[in-house]
Amino acid sequence: MNVNNVNKNRGFSPPLTWVIKIENGAEKLLGLGAVAGIVALCGVVMLQIFGRLFMDVPPVWTEELSRYLFSGTVALTIGIAYKRGELVAVDLLCNSLNQRNAHFFNAFVALVIFVFGLVLYPSAVQFTQIGEYQMSPTMFFPMSYVFGSTILILLNLMFFALLAFIRHLLSAFHGGDI
């Protein structure tokens, strides 16, 4: 159920319209960050290739930075992927339900994802705190910046799961097709 395909002229209730606007705004903002991360990742990898081919001593930090940029980009885009329905899912049950019950089922799934994030959050914070005492091998900054991507992943996923929960409940009670 892709929210991007919503017909704006269907007369959604004001709360549902606000949820959709918040989701779309967050998607655009995080998408811009992801584009910046991918552009930076491409630049670093191109520098890495150039260095290996044409330099006597290629920069050693490019491999490390490319990994960090990749994990940061994943952290920024996980919520967008969830919103668009691009994560792994089994749709057999949902497709066999009527529209109202499908919204209730999707609301339940979103709630489970949110609660799962809440359960994992303290461990992600603890993992990030471990990185305060470690330095990156070639770039020499605290690894807590890198380990913090686990917190960002959870917060991002929880944010979009909470919005999906609200959106599906409102759609189930309002009769909207999102």
N, C-alpha and C. Protein backbone atom coordinates (compact mmCIF):
# COMPACT_ATOMS: atom_id res chain seq x y z
N MET A 1 0.85 -1.18 0.00
CA MET A 1 0.00 0.00 0.00
C MET A 1 0.89 1.23 0.00
N ASN A 2 1.15 1.74 -1.13
CA ASN A 2 2.06 2.86 -1.30
C ASN A 2 1.33 4.17 -1.09
N VAL A 3 1.78 4.93 -0.09
CA VAL A 3 1.14 6.19 0.23
C VAL A 3 1.37 7.21 -0.87
N ASN A 4 2.43 7.04 -1.65
CA ASN A 4 2.71 8.00 -2.71
C ASN A 4 1.64 7.97 -3.80
N ASN A 5 0.87 6.90 -3.89
CA ASN A 5 -0.16 6.79 -4.92
C ASN A 5 -1.51 7.31 -4.44
N VAL A 6 -1.52 8.04 -3.34
CA VAL A 6 -2.79 8.53 -2.78
C VAL A 6 -3.36 9.61 -3.68
N ASN A 7 -4.61 9.47 -3.97
CA ASN A 7 -5.32 10.50 -4.74
C ASN A 7 -5.74 11.60 -3.77
N LYS A 8 -5.25 12.80 -3.98
CA LYS A 8 -5.50 13.91 -3.06
C LYS A 8 -6.97 14.34 -3.06
N ASN A 9 -7.74 13.94 -4.04
CA ASN A 9 -9.12 14.40 -4.15
C ASN A 9 -10.12 13.44 -3.52
N ARG A 10 -9.69 12.52 -2.70
CA ARG A 10 -10.61 11.54 -2.15
C ARG A 10 -11.34 12.02 -0.91
N GLY A 11 -10.97 13.16 -0.38
CA GLY A 11 -11.68 13.69 0.78
C GLY A 11 -11.31 12.98 2.07
N PHE A 12 -10.04 12.81 2.33
CA PHE A 12 -9.61 12.17 3.57
C PHE A 12 -9.95 13.06 4.75
N SER A 13 -10.06 12.45 5.92
CA SER A 13 -10.29 13.21 7.13
C SER A 13 -9.05 14.06 7.42
N PRO A 14 -9.23 15.20 8.10
CA PRO A 14 -8.08 16.07 8.40
C PRO A 14 -6.93 15.37 9.13
N PRO A 15 -7.21 14.51 10.13
CA PRO A 15 -6.07 13.83 10.77
C PRO A 15 -5.29 12.93 9.80
N LEU A 16 -6.01 12.26 8.93
CA LEU A 16 -5.35 11.39 7.96
C LEU A 16 -4.53 12.21 6.97
N THR A 17 -5.06 13.34 6.57
CA THR A 17 -4.32 14.23 5.67
C THR A 17 -3.03 14.70 6.33
N TRP A 18 -3.09 15.02 7.62
CA TRP A 18 -1.88 15.46 8.33
C TRP A 18 -0.85 14.35 8.43
N VAL A 19 -1.29 13.14 8.71
CA VAL A 19 -0.36 12.01 8.79
C VAL A 19 0.34 11.82 7.45
N ILE A 20 -0.42 11.90 6.37
CA ILE A 20 0.16 11.74 5.04
C ILE A 20 1.16 12.86 4.74
N LYS A 21 0.82 14.09 5.13
CA LYS A 21 1.74 15.21 4.91
C LYS A 21 3.03 15.04 5.71
N ILE A 22 2.91 14.58 6.95
CA ILE A 22 4.10 14.36 7.78
C ILE A 22 4.97 13.27 7.17
N GLU A 23 4.34 12.17 6.75
CA GLU A 23 5.10 11.09 6.11
C GLU A 23 5.82 11.57 4.86
N ASN A 24 5.12 12.29 4.02
CA ASN A 24 5.72 12.76 2.77
C ASN A 24 6.83 13.77 3.03
N GLY A 25 6.62 14.66 4.00
CA GLY A 25 7.66 15.63 4.34
C GLY A 25 8.91 14.96 4.89
N ALA A 26 8.72 13.99 5.79
CA ALA A 26 9.87 13.26 6.34
C ALA A 26 10.58 12.47 5.24
N GLU A 27 9.80 11.91 4.33
CA GLU A 27 10.40 11.16 3.23
C GLU A 27 11.27 12.06 2.36
N LYS A 28 10.79 13.25 2.07
CA LYS A 28 11.57 14.18 1.25
C LYS A 28 12.85 14.61 1.96
N LEU A 29 12.74 14.93 3.25
CA LEU A 29 13.90 15.38 4.01
C LEU A 29 14.95 14.28 4.12
N LEU A 30 14.51 13.09 4.50
CA LEU A 30 15.44 11.96 4.61
C LEU A 30 15.98 11.56 3.24
N GLY A 31 15.15 11.69 2.22
CA GLY A 31 15.61 11.39 0.87
C GLY A 31 16.72 12.31 0.42
N LEU A 32 16.63 13.58 0.77
CA LEU A 32 17.71 14.52 0.44
C LEU A 32 19.01 14.12 1.15
N GLY A 33 18.90 13.74 2.42
CA GLY A 33 20.07 13.27 3.15
C GLY A 33 20.65 12.01 2.52
N ALA A 34 19.78 11.12 2.07
CA ALA A 34 20.24 9.89 1.42
C ALA A 34 20.94 10.18 0.10
N VAL A 35 20.40 11.12 -0.66
CA VAL A 35 21.03 11.49 -1.93
C VAL A 35 22.42 12.06 -1.66
N ALA A 36 22.52 12.92 -0.65
CA ALA A 36 23.83 13.48 -0.29
C ALA A 36 24.80 12.37 0.13
N GLY A 37 24.30 11.40 0.88
CA GLY A 37 25.14 10.28 1.30
C GLY A 37 25.60 9.43 0.13
N ILE A 38 24.71 9.19 -0.82
CA ILE A 38 25.07 8.38 -1.99
C ILE A 38 26.07 9.12 -2.88
N VAL A 39 25.85 10.43 -3.05
CA VAL A 39 26.80 11.22 -3.84
C VAL A 39 28.18 11.20 -3.17
N ALA A 40 28.21 11.39 -1.85
CA ALA A 40 29.48 11.33 -1.13
C ALA A 40 30.12 9.95 -1.25
N LEU A 41 29.29 8.90 -1.13
CA LEU A 41 29.79 7.53 -1.26
C LEU A 41 30.40 7.31 -2.63
N CYS A 42 29.73 7.76 -3.67
CA CYS A 42 30.26 7.61 -5.03
C CYS A 42 31.58 8.36 -5.19
N GLY A 43 31.63 9.56 -4.63
CA GLY A 43 32.88 10.33 -4.71
C GLY A 43 34.03 9.65 -4.01
N VAL A 44 33.77 9.09 -2.83
CA VAL A 44 34.82 8.41 -2.07
C VAL A 44 35.27 7.16 -2.80
N VAL A 45 34.34 6.39 -3.35
CA VAL A 45 34.71 5.17 -4.08
C VAL A 45 35.49 5.52 -5.34
N MET A 46 35.09 6.59 -6.03
CA MET A 46 35.84 7.00 -7.22
C MET A 46 37.26 7.43 -6.85
N LEU A 47 37.40 8.13 -5.72
CA LEU A 47 38.72 8.52 -5.24
C LEU A 47 39.53 7.27 -4.89
N GLN A 48 38.88 6.30 -4.30
CA GLN A 48 39.55 5.04 -3.95
C GLN A 48 40.06 4.33 -5.20
N ILE A 49 39.23 4.26 -6.22
CA ILE A 49 39.65 3.62 -7.48
C ILE A 49 40.77 4.40 -8.13
N PHE A 50 40.62 5.72 -8.18
CA PHE A 50 41.66 6.56 -8.76
C PHE A 50 42.98 6.38 -8.01
N GLY A 51 42.88 6.36 -6.69
CA GLY A 51 44.09 6.21 -5.88
C GLY A 51 44.79 4.88 -6.11
N ARG A 52 44.02 3.83 -6.24
CA ARG A 52 44.63 2.50 -6.46
C ARG A 52 45.26 2.39 -7.85
N LEU A 53 44.69 3.09 -8.82
CA LEU A 53 45.20 2.99 -10.18
C LEU A 53 46.35 3.94 -10.47
N PHE A 54 46.27 5.15 -9.93
CA PHE A 54 47.19 6.19 -10.38
C PHE A 54 48.11 6.78 -9.29
N MET A 55 47.93 6.39 -8.06
CA MET A 55 48.75 6.96 -6.99
C MET A 55 49.71 5.92 -6.45
N ASP A 56 50.89 6.37 -6.05
CA ASP A 56 51.86 5.46 -5.44
C ASP A 56 51.35 4.96 -4.10
N VAL A 57 50.78 5.85 -3.32
CA VAL A 57 50.23 5.49 -2.02
C VAL A 57 48.77 5.97 -1.99
N PRO A 58 47.84 5.06 -2.24
CA PRO A 58 46.43 5.47 -2.25
C PRO A 58 45.97 5.81 -0.83
N PRO A 59 44.99 6.69 -0.71
CA PRO A 59 44.49 7.04 0.63
C PRO A 59 43.86 5.83 1.30
N VAL A 60 44.27 5.58 2.55
CA VAL A 60 43.79 4.38 3.26
C VAL A 60 42.41 4.60 3.88
N TRP A 61 42.02 5.83 4.05
CA TRP A 61 40.78 6.13 4.74
C TRP A 61 39.54 5.97 3.86
N THR A 62 39.72 5.82 2.56
CA THR A 62 38.56 5.77 1.66
C THR A 62 37.71 4.53 1.88
N GLU A 63 38.33 3.40 2.13
CA GLU A 63 37.58 2.16 2.38
C GLU A 63 36.72 2.30 3.63
N GLU A 64 37.30 2.85 4.67
CA GLU A 64 36.59 3.02 5.93
C GLU A 64 35.43 4.01 5.77
N LEU A 65 35.70 5.14 5.15
CA LEU A 65 34.66 6.15 4.98
C LEU A 65 33.52 5.64 4.10
N SER A 66 33.83 4.85 3.09
CA SER A 66 32.76 4.33 2.24
C SER A 66 31.83 3.41 3.03
N ARG A 67 32.37 2.63 3.94
CA ARG A 67 31.53 1.77 4.78
C ARG A 67 30.64 2.60 5.69
N TYR A 68 31.20 3.66 6.26
CA TYR A 68 30.43 4.51 7.16
C TYR A 68 29.33 5.26 6.41
N LEU A 69 29.64 5.73 5.22
CA LEU A 69 28.63 6.41 4.42
C LEU A 69 27.51 5.45 4.01
N PHE A 70 27.88 4.21 3.72
CA PHE A 70 26.86 3.22 3.36
C PHE A 70 25.92 2.96 4.53
N SER A 71 26.47 2.74 5.72
CA SER A 71 25.61 2.46 6.88
C SER A 71 24.77 3.69 7.23
N GLY A 72 25.32 4.88 7.05
CA GLY A 72 24.54 6.09 7.30
C GLY A 72 23.40 6.26 6.31
N THR A 73 23.65 5.92 5.07
CA THR A 73 22.61 6.01 4.05
C THR A 73 21.50 5.01 4.32
N VAL A 74 21.86 3.81 4.75
CA VAL A 74 20.86 2.82 5.13
C VAL A 74 20.02 3.33 6.30
N ALA A 75 20.69 3.94 7.27
CA ALA A 75 19.98 4.47 8.43
C ALA A 75 18.98 5.55 8.02
N LEU A 76 19.32 6.34 7.03
CA LEU A 76 18.41 7.39 6.58
C LEU A 76 17.25 6.85 5.74
N THR A 77 17.45 5.76 5.05
CA THR A 77 16.44 5.29 4.10
C THR A 77 15.57 4.14 4.59
N ILE A 78 15.85 3.57 5.75
CA ILE A 78 15.08 2.41 6.21
C ILE A 78 13.60 2.76 6.42
N GLY A 79 13.32 3.94 6.95
CA GLY A 79 11.93 4.35 7.14
C GLY A 79 11.21 4.59 5.83
N ILE A 80 11.93 5.15 4.86
CA ILE A 80 11.34 5.37 3.54
C ILE A 80 11.00 4.03 2.89
N ALA A 81 11.91 3.07 3.02
CA ALA A 81 11.65 1.74 2.46
C ALA A 81 10.43 1.10 3.12
N TYR A 82 10.31 1.27 4.43
CA TYR A 82 9.14 0.72 5.14
C TYR A 82 7.86 1.40 4.65
N LYS A 83 7.89 2.72 4.55
CA LYS A 83 6.71 3.47 4.11
C LYS A 83 6.26 3.03 2.72
N ARG A 84 7.21 2.81 1.84
CA ARG A 84 6.89 2.44 0.46
C ARG A 84 6.56 0.96 0.30
N GLY A 85 6.69 0.18 1.35
CA GLY A 85 6.41 -1.25 1.28
C GLY A 85 7.50 -2.02 0.56
N GLU A 86 8.75 -1.52 0.64
CA GLU A 86 9.85 -2.15 -0.08
C GLU A 86 10.69 -3.07 0.80
N LEU A 87 10.29 -3.26 2.04
CA LEU A 87 10.98 -4.23 2.88
C LEU A 87 10.33 -5.59 2.68
N VAL A 88 10.99 -6.61 3.13
CA VAL A 88 10.48 -7.97 2.96
C VAL A 88 9.15 -8.09 3.69
N ALA A 89 8.15 -8.63 3.00
CA ALA A 89 6.83 -8.79 3.59
C ALA A 89 6.14 -9.99 2.96
N VAL A 90 5.21 -10.56 3.71
CA VAL A 90 4.38 -11.64 3.19
C VAL A 90 2.98 -11.06 3.05
N ASP A 91 2.55 -10.89 1.81
CA ASP A 91 1.28 -10.22 1.54
C ASP A 91 0.10 -11.18 1.35
N LEU A 92 0.33 -12.47 1.45
CA LEU A 92 -0.76 -13.42 1.20
C LEU A 92 -1.94 -13.18 2.13
N LEU A 93 -1.68 -13.05 3.41
CA LEU A 93 -2.76 -12.85 4.36
C LEU A 93 -3.43 -11.50 4.15
N CYS A 94 -2.65 -10.47 3.99
CA CYS A 94 -3.19 -9.12 3.82
C CYS A 94 -4.03 -9.02 2.55
N ASN A 95 -3.59 -9.66 1.48
CA ASN A 95 -4.33 -9.61 0.22
C ASN A 95 -5.64 -10.39 0.27
N SER A 96 -5.74 -11.34 1.19
CA SER A 96 -6.96 -12.13 1.28
C SER A 96 -8.03 -11.46 2.16
N LEU A 97 -7.64 -10.37 2.85
CA LEU A 97 -8.58 -9.68 3.72
C LEU A 97 -9.31 -8.58 2.97
N ASN A 98 -10.50 -8.22 3.49
CA ASN A 98 -11.18 -7.06 2.91
C ASN A 98 -10.41 -5.81 3.30
N GLN A 99 -10.77 -4.69 2.69
CA GLN A 99 -9.99 -3.46 2.85
C GLN A 99 -9.90 -3.02 4.31
N ARG A 100 -10.99 -3.05 5.02
CA ARG A 100 -11.00 -2.61 6.43
C ARG A 100 -10.12 -3.50 7.29
N ASN A 101 -10.27 -4.81 7.15
CA ASN A 101 -9.46 -5.74 7.94
C ASN A 101 -7.98 -5.69 7.55
N ALA A 102 -7.71 -5.40 6.28
CA ALA A 102 -6.32 -5.25 5.85
C ALA A 102 -5.68 -4.05 6.54
N HIS A 103 -6.45 -2.97 6.71
CA HIS A 103 -5.93 -1.81 7.44
C HIS A 103 -5.66 -2.17 8.90
N PHE A 104 -6.57 -2.91 9.51
CA PHE A 104 -6.33 -3.34 10.90
C PHE A 104 -5.10 -4.24 11.00
N PHE A 105 -4.95 -5.15 10.06
CA PHE A 105 -3.79 -6.03 10.07
C PHE A 105 -2.50 -5.23 9.89
N ASN A 106 -2.49 -4.30 8.94
CA ASN A 106 -1.30 -3.47 8.72
C ASN A 106 -1.01 -2.57 9.92
N ALA A 107 -2.06 -2.11 10.60
CA ALA A 107 -1.86 -1.33 11.82
C ALA A 107 -1.21 -2.20 12.90
N PHE A 108 -1.65 -3.44 13.00
CA PHE A 108 -1.06 -4.37 13.97
C PHE A 108 0.42 -4.63 13.65
N VAL A 109 0.74 -4.84 12.38
CA VAL A 109 2.14 -5.06 11.97
C VAL A 109 2.98 -3.84 12.31
N ALA A 110 2.45 -2.65 12.04
CA ALA A 110 3.18 -1.42 12.36
C ALA A 110 3.40 -1.29 13.87
N LEU A 111 2.41 -1.67 14.64
CA LEU A 111 2.55 -1.63 16.10
C LEU A 111 3.62 -2.60 16.58
N VAL A 112 3.65 -3.79 16.00
CA VAL A 112 4.67 -4.78 16.37
C VAL A 112 6.07 -4.25 16.03
N ILE A 113 6.22 -3.62 14.88
CA ILE A 113 7.50 -3.06 14.49
C ILE A 113 7.91 -1.94 15.46
N PHE A 114 6.96 -1.10 15.84
CA PHE A 114 7.24 -0.03 16.78
C PHE A 114 7.69 -0.58 18.13
N VAL A 115 6.96 -1.56 18.64
CA VAL A 115 7.31 -2.16 19.94
C VAL A 115 8.66 -2.87 19.85
N PHE A 116 8.93 -3.54 18.74
CA PHE A 116 10.22 -4.19 18.53
C PHE A 116 11.35 -3.15 18.59
N GLY A 117 11.12 -1.99 17.99
CA GLY A 117 12.11 -0.91 18.05
C GLY A 117 12.31 -0.41 19.47
N LEU A 118 11.22 -0.29 20.22
CA LEU A 118 11.34 0.13 21.62
C LEU A 118 12.15 -0.86 22.44
N VAL A 119 11.95 -2.14 22.19
CA VAL A 119 12.69 -3.17 22.92
C VAL A 119 14.18 -3.12 22.58
N LEU A 120 14.50 -2.88 21.32
CA LEU A 120 15.90 -2.86 20.90
C LEU A 120 16.62 -1.54 21.21
N TYR A 121 15.87 -0.47 21.42
CA TYR A 121 16.47 0.85 21.59
C TYR A 121 17.51 0.91 22.72
N PRO A 122 17.23 0.40 23.92
CA PRO A 122 18.26 0.47 24.97
C PRO A 122 19.56 -0.23 24.58
N SER A 123 19.47 -1.34 23.88
CA SER A 123 20.68 -2.04 23.44
C SER A 123 21.43 -1.23 22.38
N ALA A 124 20.71 -0.53 21.52
CA ALA A 124 21.36 0.32 20.52
C ALA A 124 22.08 1.48 21.19
N VAL A 125 21.49 2.05 22.24
CA VAL A 125 22.15 3.13 22.97
C VAL A 125 23.40 2.60 23.66
N GLN A 126 23.30 1.42 24.26
CA GLN A 126 24.46 0.82 24.91
C GLN A 126 25.56 0.52 23.89
N PHE A 127 25.21 0.02 22.74
CA PHE A 127 26.17 -0.26 21.68
C PHE A 127 26.87 1.02 21.23
N THR A 128 26.08 2.10 21.10
CA THR A 128 26.66 3.38 20.70
C THR A 128 27.61 3.91 21.76
N GLN A 129 27.27 3.73 23.02
CA GLN A 129 28.13 4.19 24.11
C GLN A 129 29.46 3.45 24.14
N ILE A 130 29.47 2.21 23.73
CA ILE A 130 30.72 1.45 23.65
C ILE A 130 31.69 2.14 22.69
N GLY A 131 31.15 2.72 21.63
CA GLY A 131 31.98 3.38 20.63
C GLY A 131 32.65 4.65 21.11
N GLU A 132 32.23 5.19 22.26
CA GLU A 132 32.85 6.40 22.78
C GLU A 132 34.31 6.17 23.14
N TYR A 133 34.65 4.94 23.44
CA TYR A 133 36.00 4.61 23.89
C TYR A 133 36.85 3.99 22.79
N GLN A 134 36.30 3.95 21.59
CA GLN A 134 37.03 3.38 20.46
C GLN A 134 37.19 4.45 19.39
N MET A 135 38.31 4.41 18.71
CA MET A 135 38.56 5.35 17.62
C MET A 135 38.55 4.59 16.30
N SER A 136 38.11 5.26 15.25
CA SER A 136 38.14 4.61 13.94
C SER A 136 39.60 4.41 13.55
N PRO A 137 39.91 3.31 12.89
CA PRO A 137 41.31 2.96 12.62
C PRO A 137 42.08 3.96 11.76
N THR A 138 41.46 4.53 10.75
CA THR A 138 42.23 5.41 9.86
C THR A 138 41.78 6.85 9.90
N MET A 139 40.56 7.11 10.36
CA MET A 139 40.04 8.48 10.34
C MET A 139 40.12 9.13 11.72
N PHE A 140 40.31 8.34 12.76
CA PHE A 140 40.56 8.81 14.12
C PHE A 140 39.44 9.70 14.69
N PHE A 141 38.21 9.21 14.59
CA PHE A 141 37.12 9.86 15.30
C PHE A 141 36.39 8.78 16.10
N PRO A 142 35.66 9.17 17.13
CA PRO A 142 35.00 8.17 17.99
C PRO A 142 34.03 7.29 17.18
N MET A 143 34.10 6.01 17.43
CA MET A 143 33.23 5.06 16.72
C MET A 143 31.77 5.19 17.14
N SER A 144 31.51 5.96 18.19
CA SER A 144 30.12 6.17 18.59
C SER A 144 29.33 6.86 17.48
N TYR A 145 30.03 7.64 16.63
CA TYR A 145 29.35 8.26 15.49
C TYR A 145 28.85 7.19 14.51
N VAL A 146 29.66 6.18 14.30
CA VAL A 146 29.28 5.10 13.39
C VAL A 146 28.26 4.19 14.05
N PHE A 147 28.51 3.82 15.30
CA PHE A 147 27.59 2.93 16.00
C PHE A 147 26.24 3.60 16.23
N GLY A 148 26.22 4.92 16.21
CA GLY A 148 24.96 5.66 16.37
C GLY A 148 23.98 5.43 15.23
N SER A 149 24.47 4.89 14.13
CA SER A 149 23.55 4.60 13.03
C SER A 149 22.51 3.55 13.44
N THR A 150 22.84 2.70 14.42
CA THR A 150 21.84 1.73 14.89
C THR A 150 20.68 2.45 15.57
N ILE A 151 20.99 3.51 16.31
CA ILE A 151 19.93 4.29 16.94
C ILE A 151 19.10 4.98 15.86
N LEU A 152 19.77 5.55 14.88
CA LEU A 152 19.06 6.24 13.80
C LEU A 152 18.16 5.28 13.02
N ILE A 153 18.65 4.07 12.78
CA ILE A 153 17.83 3.06 12.10
C ILE A 153 16.56 2.78 12.89
N LEU A 154 16.71 2.55 14.18
CA LEU A 154 15.54 2.24 15.01
C LEU A 154 14.58 3.42 15.10
N LEU A 155 15.10 4.62 15.32
CA LEU A 155 14.23 5.78 15.43
C LEU A 155 13.49 6.05 14.12
N ASN A 156 14.19 5.91 13.03
CA ASN A 156 13.60 6.13 11.72
C ASN A 156 12.49 5.11 11.47
N LEU A 157 12.78 3.86 11.73
CA LEU A 157 11.78 2.80 11.52
C LEU A 157 10.60 2.97 12.47
N MET A 158 10.88 3.31 13.72
CA MET A 158 9.80 3.51 14.70
C MET A 158 8.91 4.69 14.31
N PHE A 159 9.52 5.77 13.82
CA PHE A 159 8.76 6.95 13.40
C PHE A 159 7.78 6.60 12.29
N PHE A 160 8.29 5.93 11.26
CA PHE A 160 7.41 5.58 10.14
C PHE A 160 6.41 4.49 10.52
N ALA A 161 6.77 3.59 11.43
CA ALA A 161 5.83 2.58 11.88
C ALA A 161 4.70 3.21 12.68
N LEU A 162 5.04 4.20 13.52
CA LEU A 162 4.01 4.89 14.28
C LEU A 162 3.05 5.63 13.36
N LEU A 163 3.60 6.32 12.37
CA LEU A 163 2.75 7.01 11.41
C LEU A 163 1.90 6.03 10.60
N ALA A 164 2.47 4.88 10.24
CA ALA A 164 1.70 3.87 9.51
C ALA A 164 0.59 3.31 10.38
N PHE A 165 0.87 3.10 11.66
CA PHE A 165 -0.14 2.61 12.60
C PHE A 165 -1.32 3.59 12.63
N ILE A 166 -1.03 4.87 12.81
CA ILE A 166 -2.08 5.88 12.87
C ILE A 166 -2.83 5.95 11.54
N ARG A 167 -2.07 5.95 10.44
CA ARG A 167 -2.69 6.05 9.11
C ARG A 167 -3.62 4.88 8.84
N HIS A 168 -3.19 3.67 9.18
CA HIS A 168 -4.04 2.50 8.91
C HIS A 168 -5.27 2.47 9.81
N LEU A 169 -5.12 2.89 11.06
CA LEU A 169 -6.30 2.94 11.94
C LEU A 169 -7.29 3.99 11.42
N LEU A 170 -6.78 5.16 11.07
CA LEU A 170 -7.68 6.18 10.55
C LEU A 170 -8.35 5.72 9.26
N SER A 171 -7.60 5.05 8.41
CA SER A 171 -8.16 4.55 7.15
C SER A 171 -9.20 3.46 7.41
N ALA A 172 -8.97 2.62 8.41
CA ALA A 172 -9.92 1.55 8.71
C ALA A 172 -11.24 2.13 9.21
N PHE A 173 -11.14 3.17 10.03
CA PHE A 173 -12.37 3.75 10.59
C PHE A 173 -13.02 4.75 9.64
N HIS A 174 -12.23 5.37 8.79
CA HIS A 174 -12.76 6.37 7.84
C HIS A 174 -13.16 5.71 6.53
N GLY A 175 -12.58 4.56 6.25
CA GLY A 175 -12.89 3.86 4.99
C GLY A 175 -12.03 4.29 3.83
N GLY A 176 -10.87 4.90 4.13
CA GLY A 176 -9.99 5.35 3.06
C GLY A 176 -9.20 4.20 2.48
N ASP A 177 -8.79 4.36 1.26
CA ASP A 177 -7.99 3.33 0.57
C ASP A 177 -6.58 3.85 0.37
N ILE A 178 -5.73 3.55 1.33
CA ILE A 178 -4.33 3.98 1.25
C ILE A 178 -3.46 2.76 1.18
